[in-house]
Amino acid sequence: MPIFNRAGRLRDFSLKTQGSPLMTTILVIDDEPDIREVMRFALESAEFRVLEAGHADEARKLLSREVLDLILLDWMLPGRSGLELAQQLKQNPKTKGIPIIMVSARGEEEDRVKGLDTGADDYIAKPFSPREMVARVKAVLRRAKPDEATDEIEIGGLVMDNLGHRVTAAGRAIEVAPTEYRLLHFFMTHVDRAFSRSQLLDQVWGDQVYVEERTVDVHVRRLRKALEPTGHDRLLQTVRGVGYRFSDKT
C-alpha cells in the first residue's frame, strides 16, 4: 500500500532514515535577480543548497517551512529593509540562531557597524567577489555550528561520538535508541535554534516517511528520560508556541 507524505506526495522510506548527511541550506534574499543568480551559481558550485527570495514577505514564507543554515541578506529590500528583517529574525526564538551575512552597496564603516550591531555575523559590501562570498559563508558556518562529520560533538558536557555511535557524559555511557540518537545528533548540530515538530519530522525522519507530528513529543520524552540521570535533559528545552530547542543557555 503506498504511503503519502503530509503534502500528498508518495513517500520513499529510504531517504534520511539511513542517517545520510543533510545538505547545508542557504537563503539568498535580494531584490535583484541578476545578483541572486550570481550568488546561487557560486554557492551551488560549492555544493550548497540555495533558496531565493526577492523581498521580506517571500523570505518569511520560506522561513516558516524550511530549516536554514545561513541567510545572505541584502540591506536595501523593497518594503521592509534588510536591516529591519535582520532585527526581527534575531528577536524571534525560532530564527535567532540562524547566522546572517548582510550584503549591501553601503560599504562605509558606519554602515558595516550598523549592520553588525543588528546581530549580523558578517558584512559583505557590493560589488563583491563570489569566491570571497563563499569563503565568508564557510567561515561563518564553521563558527555557527559543529561539523556534522566530526568525530565528536560536545555541548554542555554531553559528548556524542559519531564514529563509535555512543553518547557519554563525564565518562558515563548514556543508552540512546536509534531514533533518539538521530534526533539528538540533529539538535547537537543545530544548537540554540528552535524547531517546530513539522521541521523536526522532515529533518530527522525525512519528509518521505509518514509519522504524526505528536510522534516527535514521544521521542523527545524518551530522549529526555535517557539524558535525565546526568542532568542533561535540561538542554532539551520546550519553546512555547514553537516546538523544541537544544541549548546550554537558560
Protein backbone atom coordinates (compact mmCIF):
# COMPACT_ATOMS: atom_id res chain seq x y z
CA MET A 1 0.00 0.00 0.00
CA PRO A 2 1.54 3.37 -0.98
CA ILE A 3 2.27 5.81 1.83
CA PHE A 4 1.97 9.53 1.19
CA ASN A 5 3.63 12.41 2.99
CA ARG A 6 1.89 15.43 4.54
CA ALA A 7 1.84 17.19 1.16
CA GLY A 8 0.28 14.18 -0.55
CA ARG A 9 3.49 13.01 -2.25
CA LEU A 10 4.47 9.35 -2.36
CA ARG A 11 6.88 8.56 0.45
CA ASP A 12 10.12 6.66 -0.06
CA PHE A 13 11.36 5.06 3.17
CA SER A 14 14.98 5.10 2.01
CA LEU A 15 15.63 8.84 2.37
CA LYS A 16 17.23 10.26 5.55
CA THR A 17 16.30 7.24 7.64
CA GLN A 18 19.77 5.88 6.95
CA GLY A 19 21.38 8.92 8.58
CA SER A 20 22.68 10.44 5.34
CA PRO A 21 24.19 13.93 5.81
CA LEU A 22 21.85 16.84 5.18
CA MET A 23 22.78 19.44 2.60
CA THR A 24 23.58 22.87 4.00
CA THR A 25 20.77 25.23 3.00
CA ILE A 26 21.32 28.94 2.38
CA LEU A 27 18.61 31.53 1.79
CA VAL A 28 19.58 34.42 -0.51
CA ILE A 29 17.36 37.48 -0.01
CA ASP A 30 17.93 40.16 -2.66
CA ASP A 31 15.53 42.05 -4.91
CA GLU A 32 17.92 41.97 -7.88
CA PRO A 33 17.53 38.70 -9.88
CA ASP A 34 20.96 39.10 -11.50
CA ILE A 35 22.66 39.34 -8.11
CA ARG A 36 20.73 36.32 -6.84
CA GLU A 37 21.80 34.36 -9.92
CA VAL A 38 25.49 35.14 -9.32
CA MET A 39 25.20 34.14 -5.67
CA ARG A 40 23.24 30.99 -6.47
CA PHE A 41 25.78 29.83 -9.06
CA ALA A 42 28.73 30.40 -6.70
CA LEU A 43 27.04 28.70 -3.76
CA GLU A 44 25.73 25.73 -5.72
CA SER A 45 29.21 25.27 -7.21
CA ALA A 46 30.39 24.94 -3.60
CA GLU A 47 27.70 22.26 -3.05
CA PHE A 48 25.27 24.33 -1.01
CA ARG A 49 21.51 24.09 -1.44
CA VAL A 50 20.20 27.56 -2.31
CA LEU A 51 16.76 29.11 -1.84
CA GLU A 52 15.87 32.58 -3.11
CA ALA A 53 13.58 35.41 -2.03
CA GLY A 54 13.15 38.83 -3.62
CA HIS A 55 11.59 40.57 -0.61
CA ALA A 56 10.92 40.14 3.12
CA ASP A 57 7.44 38.61 2.81
CA GLU A 58 8.67 35.95 0.41
CA ALA A 59 11.55 35.22 2.79
CA ARG A 60 9.17 34.81 5.73
CA LYS A 61 7.20 32.14 3.86
CA LEU A 62 10.38 30.16 3.28
CA LEU A 63 11.49 30.65 6.89
CA SER A 64 8.20 29.21 8.15
CA ARG A 65 8.72 25.86 6.44
CA GLU A 66 12.45 25.44 5.75
CA VAL A 67 15.33 24.68 8.09
CA LEU A 68 18.03 27.14 7.09
CA ASP A 69 21.72 27.09 7.94
CA LEU A 70 22.53 30.66 6.88
CA ILE A 71 20.92 33.75 5.34
CA LEU A 72 22.55 36.15 2.88
CA LEU A 73 20.51 39.31 3.31
CA ASP A 74 20.55 42.45 1.17
CA TRP A 75 20.17 45.69 3.13
CA MET A 76 18.10 47.54 0.51
CA LEU A 77 14.93 45.49 0.03
CA PRO A 78 11.58 46.82 -1.24
CA GLY A 79 9.10 47.48 1.57
CA ARG A 80 10.74 46.28 4.77
CA SER A 81 14.51 46.80 4.68
CA GLY A 82 17.00 44.02 5.22
CA LEU A 83 18.12 45.76 8.40
CA GLU A 84 14.59 45.61 9.82
CA LEU A 85 14.21 41.98 8.79
CA ALA A 86 17.52 41.06 10.44
CA GLN A 87 16.42 42.70 13.70
CA GLN A 88 13.12 40.81 13.66
CA LEU A 89 14.80 37.48 12.90
CA LYS A 90 17.21 37.94 15.80
CA GLN A 91 14.33 38.72 18.18
CA ASN A 92 12.34 35.63 17.15
CA PRO A 93 13.27 32.49 19.18
CA LYS A 94 12.63 30.33 16.13
CA THR A 95 15.08 32.19 13.87
CA LYS A 96 17.53 34.00 16.14
CA GLY A 97 20.11 31.22 15.87
CA ILE A 98 20.34 31.38 12.07
CA PRO A 99 23.58 33.14 11.03
CA ILE A 100 23.08 36.21 8.84
CA ILE A 101 25.54 37.78 6.43
CA MET A 102 24.46 41.28 5.45
CA VAL A 103 25.11 42.20 1.80
CA SER A 104 24.94 45.84 0.75
CA ALA A 105 26.23 48.51 -1.60
CA ARG A 106 26.60 50.64 1.54
CA GLY A 107 30.24 49.94 2.33
CA GLU A 108 31.11 52.76 4.73
CA GLU A 109 32.40 51.81 8.18
CA GLU A 110 29.32 53.29 9.87
CA ASP A 111 27.04 51.13 7.71
CA ARG A 112 29.06 47.98 8.38
CA VAL A 113 28.94 48.63 12.12
CA LYS A 114 25.20 49.27 11.97
CA GLY A 115 24.64 46.01 10.12
CA LEU A 116 26.75 44.02 12.57
CA ASP A 117 25.04 45.68 15.52
CA THR A 118 21.68 44.27 14.37
CA GLY A 119 23.10 40.80 15.01
CA ALA A 120 24.52 40.03 11.56
CA ASP A 121 27.50 37.67 11.72
CA ASP A 122 29.37 39.25 8.81
CA TYR A 123 29.04 42.05 6.26
CA ILE A 124 29.85 41.94 2.55
CA ALA A 125 29.99 45.14 0.51
CA LYS A 126 28.83 45.19 -3.13
CA PRO A 127 30.37 44.68 -5.61
CA PHE A 128 31.87 41.50 -4.17
CA SER A 129 33.94 38.57 -5.32
CA PRO A 130 31.82 35.38 -5.49
CA ARG A 131 34.83 33.37 -4.26
CA GLU A 132 35.23 35.64 -1.25
CA MET A 133 31.50 35.42 -0.55
CA VAL A 134 31.67 31.61 -0.49
CA ALA A 135 34.74 31.74 1.77
CA ARG A 136 32.93 34.05 4.19
CA VAL A 137 29.87 31.79 4.17
CA LYS A 138 32.03 28.79 5.05
CA ALA A 139 33.79 30.72 7.82
CA VAL A 140 30.50 31.82 9.41
CA LEU A 141 29.12 28.28 9.20
CA ARG A 142 32.23 26.91 10.93
CA ARG A 143 31.73 29.33 13.80
CA ALA A 144 27.98 28.77 13.97
CA LYS A 145 27.77 25.02 14.43
CA PRO A 146 29.87 21.90 14.86
CA ASP A 147 30.89 19.98 11.77
CA GLU A 148 28.33 17.20 11.36
CA ALA A 149 31.05 14.88 10.08
CA THR A 150 33.40 15.48 13.01
CA ASP A 151 34.28 12.52 15.21
CA GLU A 152 32.91 14.10 18.40
CA ILE A 153 30.44 16.81 19.30
CA GLU A 154 30.34 18.25 22.84
CA ILE A 155 27.63 20.51 24.21
CA GLY A 156 27.41 21.36 27.90
CA GLY A 157 29.40 18.29 28.91
CA LEU A 158 27.34 15.94 26.76
CA VAL A 159 29.52 14.14 24.20
CA MET A 160 28.36 12.43 21.01
CA ASP A 161 30.90 10.06 19.45
CA ASN A 162 29.88 9.70 15.81
CA LEU A 163 32.46 7.04 14.99
CA GLY A 164 31.52 4.82 17.91
CA HIS A 165 27.85 5.80 17.78
CA ARG A 166 27.95 6.49 21.54
CA VAL A 167 26.71 9.21 23.87
CA THR A 168 28.55 9.93 27.12
CA ALA A 169 28.68 12.49 29.92
CA ALA A 170 31.58 12.68 32.40
CA GLY A 171 32.75 9.31 31.09
CA ARG A 172 29.38 7.72 31.78
CA ALA A 173 27.66 5.93 28.89
CA ILE A 174 24.11 7.02 28.06
CA GLU A 175 21.90 4.47 26.33
CA VAL A 176 20.05 6.11 23.44
CA ALA A 177 17.79 4.29 20.96
CA PRO A 178 18.45 4.76 17.20
CA THR A 179 15.66 7.28 16.58
CA GLU A 180 16.58 9.29 19.67
CA TYR A 181 20.22 9.20 18.55
CA ARG A 182 19.31 10.77 15.19
CA LEU A 183 17.17 13.35 16.97
CA LEU A 184 19.98 14.19 19.39
CA HIS A 185 22.50 14.43 16.55
CA PHE A 186 20.30 16.93 14.74
CA PHE A 187 19.86 19.02 17.90
CA MET A 188 23.57 18.95 18.75
CA THR A 189 24.49 20.16 15.26
CA HIS A 190 21.83 22.91 15.37
CA VAL A 191 22.20 24.30 18.89
CA ASP A 192 20.31 27.36 20.19
CA ARG A 193 17.70 27.16 17.42
CA ALA A 194 14.01 26.44 17.91
CA PHE A 195 12.35 23.95 15.58
CA SER A 196 8.71 23.10 15.04
CA ARG A 197 7.54 19.49 15.17
CA SER A 198 6.99 19.56 11.42
CA GLN A 199 10.56 20.73 10.79
CA LEU A 200 11.96 18.03 13.08
CA LEU A 201 9.94 15.38 11.26
CA ASP A 202 11.29 16.49 7.90
CA GLN A 203 14.90 16.77 9.09
CA VAL A 204 15.16 13.68 11.32
CA TRP A 205 12.58 11.27 9.90
CA GLY A 206 12.52 12.75 6.38
CA ASP A 207 9.51 14.07 4.51
CA GLN A 208 9.38 10.71 2.75
CA VAL A 209 8.27 8.87 5.90
CA TYR A 210 4.80 9.30 7.35
CA VAL A 211 4.53 9.83 11.10
CA GLU A 212 2.23 12.11 13.06
CA GLU A 213 3.71 15.34 14.43
CA ARG A 214 2.91 14.27 18.01
CA THR A 215 5.31 11.37 17.50
CA VAL A 216 8.05 13.95 17.96
CA ASP A 217 6.82 14.59 21.52
CA VAL A 218 7.08 10.88 22.31
CA HIS A 219 10.69 10.69 21.17
CA VAL A 220 11.60 13.95 22.90
CA ARG A 221 10.25 12.49 26.16
CA ARG A 222 12.29 9.32 25.63
CA LEU A 223 15.41 11.34 24.88
CA ARG A 224 14.91 13.48 27.97
CA LYS A 225 14.47 10.35 30.08
CA ALA A 226 17.74 8.95 28.72
CA LEU A 227 19.57 12.22 29.49
CA GLU A 228 17.96 12.76 32.90
CA PRO A 229 20.39 10.70 35.07
CA THR A 230 23.28 13.02 34.12
CA GLY A 231 21.16 16.18 34.24
CA HIS A 232 21.43 16.85 30.52
CA ASP A 233 17.69 16.66 29.97
CA ARG A 234 17.77 20.39 30.81
CA LEU A 235 19.46 21.02 27.45
CA LEU A 236 16.36 19.89 25.55
CA GLN A 237 14.05 22.84 26.06
CA THR A 238 10.41 23.35 25.12
CA VAL A 239 9.75 26.63 23.29
CA ARG A 240 6.12 27.53 23.86
CA GLY A 241 4.19 28.04 20.65
CA VAL A 242 7.11 26.84 18.52
CA GLY A 243 8.49 23.42 19.42
CA TYR A 244 11.88 22.45 20.84
CA ARG A 245 15.39 23.85 21.19
CA PHE A 246 18.69 22.30 22.32
CA SER A 247 20.82 24.74 24.28
CA ASP A 248 23.07 25.01 27.33
CA LYS A 249 21.77 28.55 27.87
CA THR A 250 18.90 29.15 30.26
